[in-house]
């Protein structure tokens, strides 16, 4: 279930498509793909302050079930998938397919759950049920969607037409707890109801006048921890109905990996030397995909950005198991690097996946390039990256937003260091010449005068490398809303000339090579637009914002590949 909204659209999961499709300027229509050697790079004198950026596109993907990550789709025609019929009340209704409908019913009270053979490898899931008609019973008339282990163990969202309420139940060893319920629109047929889980937070969505709307949010804490992989493996996508009598008819069900309510923290996928990973006219980026609540409900995915139309498409889901922790988490806000010289991927990210104001670290792993991290679903094991702490101007309580690049035989890691939550500033570490990125990193410098500056990225302009970051709303007034630019000694040399659309947007600059030997410059960032914040709280932002420089520049930033 995929939709795209403009910032002005109402908070619905079915907004209209409203994005600016820009044709490339004359001579800029294609990306270079042929190999070349000894090619001249961009003008040596170019620096980031020579460019001025304006917003050219804003969009908002929202997906309860990510398009490429559907595990179950059944329109109830023909034979269809197989289900195990369960009944928590030991009174299952009759189940049959007929004329593109799934009928669940009987003259007597019945409670029927259908457990599919499909599930997810991480606790990021949605199950969406299309209801053709309810049974009409005036005491109990429910439809269910969620994750089902057996008749006594399940997590379910429900809608009850008899009471006009929707809610969330969890059952453990047959003991059912209602986690919450709320009034819902009066619906009898031709509507959708959905269950979504991100980490430990569950939300029930019911279709009203503006598409699927969240009605109840609850946490599974103290009931069942589906972040534990062995426990999650028992649960499968499921759905069902309960009624005092009569027949419930379902028109379709779709289930799979949860998508996003918003996207933020864009970060280019690069090669080890910083070359953007571009293929078939598209850039590959990682995004933090906003979940159903605060930072711990988000997760990390790989997306492509069409460099002409700016169309976004998710191509991979990345989840993590940290060293010493029995949980699958959605750690995010990091950098994915293709290190071809060493036949590996370098994966670094920030441990926001279980954030509870007790600290954030930068974790990492390396993976053989035989594993395609730009496609499919991956659960990766990570450990802490040994970044310098003692040499920093103040003791850190957290580190996040890593960017890794190899420059002239040394690995550089840009990151954020926090002296307190939330009081943080950018820093830069470097390896010894010939050493690996995780071996003996030493501090190059840090801008400890900053108090709310993050989103560190590195980019090459002309023949020099720079560190870019973003000053948030808590910064002193004279620098608030700026993108500071640093050299590789972490001395600030200027400010990027670009809009600053939210508190701390990332200045993810993309140098795009063109067929006529020039470079087109984009920035991909995000804004702070939330989705249903009164119910879901802060953390569901943002819209993806694309900016373009006022001019192209001579030469290419990196060799053609």
Protein backbone atom coordinates (compact mmCIF):
# COMPACT_ATOMS: atom_id res chain seq x y z
CA UNK A 1 0.00 0.00 0.00
CA UNK A 2 1.94 2.97 -1.27
CA UNK A 3 0.95 6.62 -1.40
CA UNK A 4 2.66 9.96 -1.81
CA UNK A 5 1.58 13.28 -0.34
CA UNK A 6 2.57 16.90 -0.59
CA UNK A 7 3.13 18.82 2.65
CA UNK A 8 -0.23 20.55 2.26
CA UNK A 9 -2.18 17.31 1.90
CA UNK A 10 -4.36 16.17 4.83
CA UNK A 11 -2.83 13.55 7.14
CA UNK A 12 -4.11 10.51 5.32
CA UNK A 13 -2.60 7.35 3.99
CA UNK A 14 -4.25 7.95 0.61
CA UNK A 15 -3.12 11.45 -0.43
CA UNK A 16 -3.03 12.51 -4.03
CA UNK A 17 0.20 12.47 -6.01
CA UNK A 18 1.63 15.99 -6.06
CA UNK A 19 5.29 16.27 -6.97
CA UNK A 20 7.17 18.43 -9.41
CA UNK A 21 8.55 16.43 -12.31
CA UNK A 22 11.53 18.33 -13.60
CA UNK A 23 13.11 17.66 -16.96
CA UNK A 24 16.87 17.86 -16.98
CA UNK A 25 18.23 21.05 -18.48
CA UNK A 26 19.66 20.91 -21.96
CA UNK A 27 22.81 18.83 -21.98
CA UNK A 28 22.15 17.37 -18.51
CA UNK A 29 19.83 14.55 -19.50
CA UNK A 30 22.00 11.50 -18.84
CA UNK A 31 24.40 10.08 -16.32
CA UNK A 32 27.85 8.97 -17.31
CA UNK A 33 28.35 5.20 -17.28
CA UNK A 34 31.42 4.54 -19.40
CA UNK A 35 34.71 3.88 -17.67
CA UNK A 36 37.49 6.41 -18.07
CA UNK A 37 40.94 6.99 -16.64
CA UNK A 38 42.91 10.15 -16.09
CA UNK A 39 39.76 12.28 -16.36
CA UNK A 40 39.96 15.84 -15.04
CA UNK A 41 37.91 16.55 -11.96
CA UNK A 42 35.89 19.67 -11.20
CA UNK A 43 37.53 23.08 -11.13
CA UNK A 44 40.16 23.05 -8.33
CA UNK A 45 38.97 26.37 -6.92
CA UNK A 46 35.35 25.24 -6.34
CA UNK A 47 34.10 25.26 -2.77
CA UNK A 48 30.63 24.70 -1.23
CA UNK A 49 29.99 28.42 -0.76
CA UNK A 50 30.12 28.96 -4.54
CA UNK A 51 26.73 27.28 -4.94
CA UNK A 52 23.24 28.50 -4.08
CA UNK A 53 20.43 25.96 -3.68
CA UNK A 54 16.65 26.22 -4.02
CA UNK A 55 13.89 23.69 -3.29
CA UNK A 56 12.68 21.94 -6.44
CA UNK A 57 10.66 19.01 -5.05
CA UNK A 58 8.86 17.95 -1.89
CA UNK A 59 7.17 14.59 -1.40
CA UNK A 60 5.94 12.30 1.37
CA UNK A 61 5.87 8.53 0.85
CA UNK A 62 3.61 6.77 3.36
CA UNK A 63 3.27 3.00 3.32
CA UNK A 64 1.75 0.70 5.90
CA UNK A 65 2.92 -2.24 3.80
CA UNK A 66 6.06 -1.44 1.81
CA UNK A 67 5.51 -2.02 -1.92
CA UNK A 68 8.38 -4.43 -2.54
CA UNK A 69 8.01 -6.18 0.80
CA UNK A 70 4.56 -7.75 0.65
CA UNK A 71 4.60 -11.23 2.23
CA UNK A 72 0.89 -12.05 1.87
CA UNK A 73 -1.63 -10.86 -0.69
CA UNK A 74 -4.94 -12.69 -1.07
CA UNK A 75 -8.05 -11.52 -2.91
CA UNK A 76 -9.80 -14.80 -2.07
CA UNK A 77 -10.26 -15.97 -5.61
CA UNK A 78 -9.51 -19.60 -6.54
CA UNK A 79 -7.43 -21.71 -4.20
CA UNK A 80 -5.23 -18.99 -2.73
CA UNK A 81 -2.76 -19.27 0.17
CA UNK A 82 -3.21 -21.83 2.91
CA UNK A 83 -4.25 -20.86 6.45
CA UNK A 84 -4.47 -22.60 9.79
CA UNK A 85 -7.92 -22.04 11.31
CA UNK A 86 -7.73 -21.23 15.05
CA UNK A 87 -10.34 -20.27 17.62
CA UNK A 88 -9.47 -18.62 20.94
CA UNK A 89 -13.01 -19.47 22.10
CA UNK A 90 -12.90 -23.05 20.78
CA UNK A 91 -15.85 -22.06 18.60
CA UNK A 92 -14.58 -21.46 15.06
CA UNK A 93 -16.97 -20.27 12.40
CA UNK A 94 -17.32 -21.81 8.99
CA UNK A 95 -14.70 -20.50 6.54
CA UNK A 96 -15.10 -20.67 2.78
CA UNK A 97 -14.08 -18.84 -0.38
CA UNK A 98 -16.87 -17.84 -2.72
CA UNK A 99 -17.04 -15.35 -5.61
CA UNK A 100 -13.89 -13.46 -4.57
CA UNK A 101 -14.92 -13.26 -0.94
CA UNK A 102 -13.84 -15.05 2.22
CA UNK A 103 -16.87 -15.87 4.33
CA UNK A 104 -16.51 -16.42 8.08
CA UNK A 105 -19.75 -17.19 9.87
CA UNK A 106 -22.34 -19.39 11.49
CA UNK A 107 -25.64 -19.28 13.37
CA UNK A 108 -23.95 -19.62 16.76
CA UNK A 109 -21.31 -17.38 18.41
CA UNK A 110 -17.93 -17.89 16.78
CA UNK A 111 -14.37 -16.53 16.99
CA UNK A 112 -12.13 -17.43 14.06
CA UNK A 113 -8.52 -16.55 13.36
CA UNK A 114 -6.70 -17.51 10.16
CA UNK A 115 -2.95 -17.90 10.63
CA UNK A 116 -1.00 -17.63 7.38
CA UNK A 117 2.35 -19.24 6.61
CA UNK A 118 3.98 -15.81 6.18
CA UNK A 119 5.80 -13.62 8.65
CA UNK A 120 8.55 -11.05 9.02
CA UNK A 121 12.13 -11.32 10.31
CA UNK A 122 11.84 -8.09 12.29
CA UNK A 123 9.07 -6.60 14.42
CA UNK A 124 8.06 -4.18 11.68
CA UNK A 125 4.85 -5.48 10.18
CA UNK A 126 1.42 -4.50 8.90
CA UNK A 127 -1.70 -6.51 8.13
CA UNK A 128 -4.44 -4.74 6.16
CA UNK A 129 -7.90 -6.31 5.78
CA UNK A 130 -10.47 -5.19 3.21
CA UNK A 131 -13.94 -5.77 4.68
CA UNK A 132 -16.80 -6.38 2.26
CA UNK A 133 -19.53 -6.66 4.93
CA UNK A 134 -19.89 -7.16 8.67
CA UNK A 135 -22.17 -9.79 10.19
CA UNK A 136 -24.71 -7.34 11.56
CA UNK A 137 -24.83 -8.87 15.04
CA UNK A 138 -25.83 -6.17 17.53
CA UNK A 139 -23.66 -7.42 20.43
CA UNK A 140 -20.37 -8.67 18.93
CA UNK A 141 -19.35 -7.90 15.37
CA UNK A 142 -15.57 -7.78 15.07
CA UNK A 143 -12.94 -8.09 12.38
CA UNK A 144 -9.30 -8.72 13.36
CA UNK A 145 -5.81 -8.26 11.88
CA UNK A 146 -2.40 -8.85 13.42
CA UNK A 147 0.26 -11.40 14.29
CA UNK A 148 -0.79 -14.86 15.44
CA UNK A 149 1.28 -17.64 17.02
CA UNK A 150 -1.60 -19.86 18.12
CA UNK A 151 -5.07 -19.63 19.63
CA UNK A 152 -3.68 -18.35 22.92
CA UNK A 153 -0.81 -16.15 21.72
CA UNK A 154 -1.48 -13.25 19.41
CA UNK A 155 -1.39 -9.46 19.02
CA UNK A 156 -4.48 -8.16 17.23
CA UNK A 157 -6.04 -4.93 16.11
CA UNK A 158 -9.83 -5.02 15.88
CA UNK A 159 -12.88 -3.09 14.74
CA UNK A 160 -16.30 -3.79 16.29
CA UNK A 161 -19.29 -2.56 14.28
CA UNK A 162 -21.66 -3.44 17.14
CA UNK A 163 -20.02 -1.05 19.61
CA UNK A 164 -18.50 1.42 17.14
CA UNK A 165 -15.05 1.02 18.64
CA UNK A 166 -11.60 -0.08 17.54
CA UNK A 167 -8.83 -1.42 19.74
CA UNK A 168 -5.76 -3.56 20.34
CA UNK A 169 -5.60 -6.85 22.25
CA UNK A 170 -2.64 -8.97 23.27
CA UNK A 171 -3.06 -12.58 24.35
CA UNK A 172 -0.31 -14.49 26.16
CA UNK A 173 -0.96 -18.11 27.13
CA UNK A 174 -4.67 -17.47 26.64
CA UNK A 175 -4.82 -14.43 28.92
CA UNK A 176 -6.21 -11.53 26.90
CA UNK A 177 -5.40 -7.90 27.74
CA UNK A 178 -7.05 -4.99 25.98
CA UNK A 179 -4.25 -2.45 25.52
CA UNK A 180 -6.61 0.31 24.46
CA UNK A 181 -9.71 1.19 22.45
CA UNK A 182 -11.39 4.26 21.01
CA UNK A 183 -14.53 5.32 19.19
CA UNK A 184 -14.43 4.59 15.48
CA UNK A 185 -16.49 5.59 12.45
CA UNK A 186 -19.71 3.63 11.91
CA UNK A 187 -18.83 1.18 9.12
CA UNK A 188 -20.66 -1.87 7.85
CA UNK A 189 -18.79 -2.75 4.66
CA UNK A 190 -16.48 -1.57 1.91
CA UNK A 191 -13.75 -0.38 4.26
CA UNK A 192 -10.25 -1.31 5.42
CA UNK A 193 -8.87 -1.98 8.88
CA UNK A 194 -5.16 -2.36 9.60
CA UNK A 195 -2.72 -3.52 12.25
CA UNK A 196 0.80 -2.05 12.30
CA UNK A 197 3.75 -2.88 14.53
CA UNK A 198 7.04 -0.99 14.75
CA UNK A 199 9.38 -2.36 17.41
CA UNK A 200 7.15 -2.51 20.51
CA UNK A 201 4.46 -0.06 19.42
CA UNK A 202 1.17 -1.15 17.84
CA UNK A 203 -1.44 1.04 16.13
CA UNK A 204 -4.89 0.18 14.78
CA UNK A 205 -5.98 2.04 11.64
CA UNK A 206 -9.57 2.21 10.41
CA UNK A 207 -10.74 3.76 7.17
CA UNK A 208 -12.75 6.93 7.44
CA UNK A 209 -13.41 9.75 5.03
CA UNK A 210 -9.71 10.42 4.40
CA UNK A 211 -8.25 6.95 4.04
CA UNK A 212 -6.79 4.84 6.82
CA UNK A 213 -6.57 6.82 10.06
CA UNK A 214 -4.80 5.78 13.28
CA UNK A 215 -7.20 5.45 16.20
CA UNK A 216 -5.33 3.68 19.01
CA UNK A 217 -1.63 3.45 19.87
CA UNK A 218 -0.32 0.98 22.46
CA UNK A 219 2.94 -0.59 23.59
CA UNK A 220 3.63 -4.27 24.12
CA UNK A 221 5.96 -3.61 27.05
CA UNK A 222 5.43 -6.01 29.97
CA UNK A 223 3.33 -8.31 27.76
CA UNK A 224 5.36 -9.78 24.90
CA UNK A 225 8.69 -8.73 23.37
CA UNK A 226 8.52 -9.44 19.64
CA UNK A 227 11.97 -7.93 19.17
CA UNK A 228 13.35 -11.27 20.38
CA UNK A 229 14.00 -13.25 17.18
CA UNK A 230 13.14 -16.69 18.57
CA UNK A 231 9.78 -15.44 19.83
CA UNK A 232 8.95 -13.46 16.71
CA UNK A 233 9.62 -16.57 14.60
CA UNK A 234 6.50 -18.18 16.12
CA UNK A 235 4.20 -15.40 14.92
CA UNK A 236 2.60 -15.25 11.48
CA UNK A 237 0.44 -12.72 9.67
CA UNK A 238 -3.17 -13.40 10.54
CA UNK A 239 -6.71 -12.06 10.50
CA UNK A 240 -10.22 -13.15 11.37
CA UNK A 241 -13.69 -12.34 12.67
CA UNK A 242 -15.85 -12.75 15.76
CA UNK A 243 -19.63 -12.54 15.93
CA UNK A 244 -22.65 -13.64 17.94
CA UNK A 245 -24.18 -14.87 14.71
CA UNK A 246 -24.20 -14.14 11.01
CA UNK A 247 -21.51 -13.93 8.36
CA UNK A 248 -18.55 -11.60 7.91
CA UNK A 249 -17.24 -11.23 4.34
CA UNK A 250 -13.68 -10.15 3.58
CA UNK A 251 -12.62 -8.94 0.14
CA UNK A 252 -8.81 -9.01 0.50
CA UNK A 253 -5.88 -9.14 2.89
CA UNK A 254 -2.36 -7.78 2.45
CA UNK A 255 0.53 -8.14 4.89
CA UNK A 256 4.26 -7.62 5.02
CA UNK A 257 6.98 -5.32 6.27
CA UNK A 258 5.88 -1.95 7.60
CA UNK A 259 6.92 0.90 5.31
CA UNK A 260 7.07 4.42 6.75
CA UNK A 261 5.02 7.39 7.90
CA UNK A 262 7.81 9.74 6.83
CA UNK A 263 11.45 9.74 5.73
CA UNK A 264 14.41 11.54 7.26
CA UNK A 265 18.22 11.36 7.66
CA UNK A 266 19.00 10.85 3.95
CA UNK A 267 22.49 9.52 3.37
CA UNK A 268 24.10 8.65 0.07
CA UNK A 269 25.30 5.12 -0.48
CA UNK A 270 28.89 5.67 -1.59
CA UNK A 271 32.00 3.83 -2.62
CA UNK A 272 34.95 3.95 -0.24
CA UNK A 273 36.47 6.99 -1.98
CA UNK A 274 33.21 8.89 -1.58
CA UNK A 275 31.91 8.34 -5.10
CA UNK A 276 28.09 8.34 -4.99
CA UNK A 277 26.59 4.97 -5.93
CA UNK A 278 24.63 5.83 -9.08
CA UNK A 279 22.99 3.30 -11.39
CA UNK A 280 20.54 3.62 -14.27
CA UNK A 281 19.95 7.30 -13.62
CA UNK A 282 19.26 6.78 -9.92
CA UNK A 283 21.10 7.56 -6.71
CA UNK A 284 20.97 5.07 -3.84
CA UNK A 285 20.36 6.49 -0.38
CA UNK A 286 19.53 5.20 3.06
CA UNK A 287 16.68 6.82 4.97
CA UNK A 288 15.38 6.59 8.50
CA UNK A 289 11.81 5.37 7.98
CA UNK A 290 9.54 6.91 10.60
CA UNK A 291 7.57 4.43 12.68
CA UNK A 292 4.47 4.72 14.84
CA UNK A 293 5.98 6.75 17.68
CA UNK A 294 9.36 8.11 18.84
CA UNK A 295 12.85 7.34 17.51
CA UNK A 296 12.93 3.73 18.71
CA UNK A 297 10.06 2.79 16.36
CA UNK A 298 11.86 3.92 13.19
CA UNK A 299 14.00 1.64 11.04
CA UNK A 300 16.50 1.85 8.19
CA UNK A 301 15.94 1.24 4.50
CA UNK A 302 17.69 1.69 1.15
CA UNK A 303 15.91 3.79 -1.48
CA UNK A 304 16.55 4.93 -5.02
CA UNK A 305 16.04 8.51 -6.13
CA UNK A 306 15.45 9.11 -9.82
CA UNK A 307 17.77 12.02 -10.60
CA UNK A 308 15.43 13.45 -13.24
CA UNK A 309 11.93 13.00 -11.80
CA UNK A 310 12.93 12.65 -8.12
CA UNK A 311 10.73 9.59 -7.78
CA UNK A 312 11.59 7.55 -4.67
CA UNK A 313 11.42 3.77 -4.38
CA UNK A 314 12.41 1.56 -1.46
CA UNK A 315 14.61 -1.39 -2.47
CA UNK A 316 15.96 -2.84 0.82
CA UNK A 317 15.17 -3.17 4.52
CA UNK A 318 18.08 -3.26 6.98
CA UNK A 319 17.62 -4.48 10.57
CA UNK A 320 20.19 -5.18 13.27
CA UNK A 321 21.20 -7.52 16.08
CA UNK A 322 23.76 -5.85 18.30
CA UNK A 323 26.55 -7.77 19.96
CA UNK A 324 25.37 -9.13 23.33
CA UNK A 325 21.70 -8.19 22.79
CA UNK A 326 18.94 -10.69 21.98
CA UNK A 327 16.79 -8.38 19.90
CA UNK A 328 16.19 -7.32 16.30
CA UNK A 329 16.18 -3.53 16.19
CA UNK A 330 15.65 -0.77 13.68
CA UNK A 331 18.93 1.09 14.28
CA UNK A 332 19.28 3.90 11.75
CA UNK A 333 20.91 7.28 10.92
CA UNK A 334 24.08 5.90 9.39
CA UNK A 335 26.13 5.31 6.25
CA UNK A 336 26.42 2.39 3.82
CA UNK A 337 29.75 2.13 1.96
CA UNK A 338 30.76 -0.20 -0.88
CA UNK A 339 34.48 -0.92 -0.34
CA UNK A 340 35.36 -2.79 -3.52
CA UNK A 341 39.10 -2.90 -2.80
CA UNK A 342 38.37 -5.11 0.23
CA UNK A 343 35.34 -6.90 -1.27
CA UNK A 344 33.01 -5.72 1.48
CA UNK A 345 30.21 -3.46 2.54
CA UNK A 346 30.89 -1.17 5.50
CA UNK A 347 27.73 -0.51 7.50
CA UNK A 348 27.68 2.12 10.25
CA UNK A 349 24.65 3.44 12.09
CA UNK A 350 23.36 4.94 15.33
CA UNK A 351 21.78 2.86 18.07
CA UNK A 352 18.44 4.68 18.17
CA UNK A 353 16.55 1.39 17.82
CA UNK A 354 15.91 1.04 21.57
CA UNK A 355 16.50 4.63 22.62
CA UNK A 356 15.35 5.43 26.16
CA UNK A 357 17.53 8.46 26.98
CA UNK A 358 20.31 6.22 28.28
CA UNK A 359 22.86 6.80 25.54
CA UNK A 360 23.44 6.30 21.82
CA UNK A 361 26.49 4.73 20.20
CA UNK A 362 27.75 4.20 16.66
CA UNK A 363 27.78 0.53 15.69
CA UNK A 364 29.17 -1.13 12.61
CA UNK A 365 29.69 -4.32 10.68
CA UNK A 366 31.31 -5.43 7.45
CA UNK A 367 29.60 -7.77 4.99
CA UNK A 368 30.89 -9.50 1.87
CA UNK A 369 29.83 -7.89 -1.39
CA UNK A 370 28.38 -11.26 -2.35
CA UNK A 371 25.47 -10.14 -0.19
CA UNK A 372 23.46 -7.49 -1.99
CA UNK A 373 22.53 -4.96 0.67
CA UNK A 374 20.81 -2.82 -1.95
CA UNK A 375 17.99 -5.33 -2.32
CA UNK A 376 15.79 -7.45 -0.06
CA UNK A 377 15.62 -7.84 3.72
CA UNK A 378 18.74 -8.17 5.86
CA UNK A 379 19.32 -8.67 9.58
CA UNK A 380 22.93 -7.73 10.33
CA UNK A 381 24.99 -8.28 13.49
CA UNK A 382 26.83 -5.17 14.69
CA UNK A 383 29.24 -4.06 17.38
CA UNK A 384 30.41 -0.72 18.72
CA UNK A 385 32.76 1.35 16.56
CA UNK A 386 35.72 2.46 18.72
CA UNK A 387 35.61 6.21 18.17
CA UNK A 388 37.79 8.53 20.25
CA UNK A 389 36.17 9.86 23.40
CA UNK A 390 38.84 10.96 25.86
CA UNK A 391 40.41 13.43 23.44
CA UNK A 392 37.15 15.27 22.83
CA UNK A 393 36.60 18.60 24.56
CA UNK A 394 34.00 17.09 26.91
CA UNK A 395 32.96 13.62 27.96
CA UNK A 396 30.39 12.14 25.59
CA UNK A 397 27.05 10.67 26.57
CA UNK A 398 26.26 9.75 23.01
CA UNK A 399 27.58 9.57 19.44
CA UNK A 400 25.61 9.31 16.22
CA UNK A 401 25.33 10.25 12.50
CA UNK A 402 28.49 8.54 11.14
CA UNK A 403 29.95 9.14 7.67
CA UNK A 404 32.93 7.08 6.48
CA UNK A 405 35.25 7.83 3.54
CA UNK A 406 38.82 6.94 2.54
CA UNK A 407 40.82 10.02 1.54
CA UNK A 408 44.45 9.77 0.39
CA UNK A 409 45.02 6.42 2.08
CA UNK A 410 43.33 7.25 5.40
CA UNK A 411 39.86 6.57 6.68
CA UNK A 412 37.90 9.54 7.98
CA UNK A 413 34.80 9.21 10.16
CA UNK A 414 32.62 12.25 10.72
CA UNK A 415 30.13 11.95 13.58
CA UNK A 416 28.23 13.79 16.29
CA UNK A 417 29.35 13.91 19.91
CA UNK A 418 26.86 14.71 22.69
CA UNK A 419 27.87 16.15 26.03
CA UNK A 420 24.25 15.78 27.23
CA UNK A 421 20.82 15.03 25.78
CA UNK A 422 20.38 17.07 23.74
CA UNK A 423 23.54 19.15 23.56
CA UNK A 424 25.78 18.02 20.73
CA UNK A 425 28.33 19.06 18.14
CA UNK A 426 30.19 17.66 15.09
CA UNK A 427 33.53 15.86 15.27
CA UNK A 428 35.97 14.17 12.91
CA UNK A 429 38.26 11.17 13.49
CA UNK A 430 40.96 9.70 11.23
CA UNK A 431 42.90 6.45 10.98
CA UNK A 432 46.64 6.10 10.62
CA UNK A 433 47.80 5.80 7.03
CA UNK A 434 47.18 2.26 5.83
CA UNK A 435 45.09 1.29 8.90
CA UNK A 436 41.45 0.21 8.66
CA UNK A 437 38.47 2.40 9.50
CA UNK A 438 37.93 0.65 12.86
CA UNK A 439 41.58 0.54 13.90
CA UNK A 440 42.98 3.21 16.21
CA UNK A 441 40.92 6.18 15.09
CA UNK A 442 42.29 9.46 16.40
CA UNK A 443 40.48 12.74 16.82
CA UNK A 444 41.17 15.34 14.12
CA UNK A 445 38.96 18.03 15.59
CA UNK A 446 35.52 18.97 16.88
CA UNK A 447 33.43 22.14 17.00
CA UNK A 448 32.55 22.02 20.70
CA UNK A 449 31.23 25.60 20.57
CA UNK A 450 28.11 24.26 18.90
CA UNK A 451 25.25 23.09 21.13
CA UNK A 452 22.77 21.59 18.63
CA UNK A 453 24.59 20.66 15.44
CA UNK A 454 24.27 17.23 13.84
CA UNK A 455 23.62 15.52 10.49
CA UNK A 456 27.31 15.23 9.67
CA UNK A 457 28.14 14.33 6.07
CA UNK A 458 31.32 14.66 4.01
CA UNK A 459 31.47 15.75 0.40
CA UNK A 460 34.11 16.68 -2.14
CA UNK A 461 33.86 20.04 -3.92
CA UNK A 462 36.49 20.71 -6.55
CA UNK A 463 39.66 19.06 -5.29
CA UNK A 464 38.93 19.44 -1.55
CA UNK A 465 36.88 17.54 1.01
CA UNK A 466 34.54 19.21 3.48
CA UNK A 467 32.41 18.26 6.48
CA UNK A 468 28.85 19.61 6.43
CA UNK A 469 26.36 19.73 9.30
CA UNK A 470 23.20 21.52 10.44
CA UNK A 471 22.53 24.01 13.28
CA UNK A 472 19.27 23.37 15.10
CA UNK A 473 16.71 25.66 16.73
CA UNK A 474 18.52 25.59 20.09
CA UNK A 475 21.61 27.16 18.51
CA UNK A 476 22.43 30.82 19.21
CA UNK A 477 20.22 33.10 17.15
CA UNK A 478 23.05 34.35 14.95
CA UNK A 479 23.82 30.84 13.60
CA UNK A 480 20.41 29.19 13.93
CA UNK A 481 19.16 27.48 10.77
CA UNK A 482 22.58 27.40 9.09
CA UNK A 483 24.57 24.59 7.49
CA UNK A 484 28.14 25.07 8.77
CA UNK A 485 30.95 23.97 6.43
CA UNK A 486 34.25 22.64 7.83
CA UNK A 487 37.57 21.66 6.31
CA UNK A 488 39.27 18.39 7.25
CA UNK A 489 40.81 20.02 10.34
CA UNK A 490 37.26 20.85 11.56
CA UNK A 491 37.79 24.57 11.17
CA UNK A 492 34.59 26.24 9.98
CA UNK A 493 35.22 27.88 6.62
CA UNK A 494 31.73 29.03 5.70
CA UNK A 495 28.00 28.36 5.52
CA UNK A 496 26.10 26.51 2.81
CA UNK A 497 23.62 28.71 0.92
CA UNK A 498 20.49 26.54 1.07
CA UNK A 499 17.04 26.54 2.71
CA UNK A 500 16.83 25.00 6.18
CA UNK A 501 13.31 23.42 6.20
CA UNK A 502 13.17 22.02 9.75
CA UNK A 503 15.02 21.96 13.06
CA UNK A 504 18.10 19.99 11.98
CA UNK A 505 17.87 18.85 8.34
CA UNK A 506 20.80 16.88 6.92
CA UNK A 507 22.71 18.64 4.10
CA UNK A 508 23.12 15.53 1.93
CA UNK A 509 24.83 16.93 -1.17
CA UNK A 510 24.85 14.80 -4.33
CA UNK A 511 27.25 15.66 -7.19
CA UNK A 512 25.57 14.32 -10.33
CA UNK A 513 27.82 13.83 -13.41
CA UNK A 514 26.31 14.78 -16.76
CA UNK A 515 27.02 13.65 -20.31
CA UNK A 516 28.62 16.94 -21.25
CA UNK A 517 31.38 16.61 -18.64
CA UNK A 518 29.87 18.92 -16.01
CA UNK A 519 28.44 18.36 -12.53
CA UNK A 520 24.90 19.06 -11.44
CA UNK A 521 24.46 19.60 -7.67
CA UNK A 522 21.52 18.39 -5.57
CA UNK A 523 20.76 18.34 -1.86
CA UNK A 524 18.36 15.77 -0.41
CA UNK A 525 17.06 16.59 3.04
CA UNK A 526 13.76 16.57 4.99
CA UNK A 527 11.38 18.74 6.96
CA UNK A 528 9.59 18.37 10.29
CA UNK A 529 6.05 17.63 9.10
CA UNK A 530 4.54 15.09 11.49
CA UNK A 531 1.74 12.58 10.89
CA UNK A 532 -1.14 12.58 13.39
CA UNK A 533 1.12 13.93 16.14
CA UNK A 534 -1.68 14.34 18.77
CA UNK A 535 -2.09 10.54 18.83
CA UNK A 536 1.28 9.18 17.70
CA UNK A 537 3.55 11.81 19.27
CA UNK A 538 6.78 13.27 17.95
CA UNK A 539 8.85 11.13 15.58
CA UNK A 540 6.70 10.55 12.49
CA UNK A 541 8.37 13.24 10.33
CA UNK A 542 9.22 14.12 7.56
CA UNK A 543 8.69 15.12 3.98
CA UNK A 544 11.62 14.53 1.62
CA UNK A 545 12.93 17.85 0.28
CA UNK A 546 15.11 18.04 -2.85
CA UNK A 547 17.13 21.16 -3.69
CA UNK A 548 19.16 21.99 -6.79
CA UNK A 549 22.04 24.41 -7.23
CA UNK A 550 21.60 27.50 -9.37
CA UNK A 551 24.26 26.31 -11.82
CA UNK A 552 26.31 23.36 -12.93
CA UNK A 553 30.08 23.32 -12.56
CA UNK A 554 32.93 22.36 -14.86
CA UNK A 555 34.34 18.83 -14.71
CA UNK A 556 33.36 15.78 -12.66
CA UNK A 557 33.84 15.23 -8.96
CA UNK A 558 34.76 11.55 -9.31
CA UNK A 559 35.98 9.26 -12.09
CA UNK A 560 33.29 7.79 -14.31
CA UNK A 561 32.37 4.19 -13.51
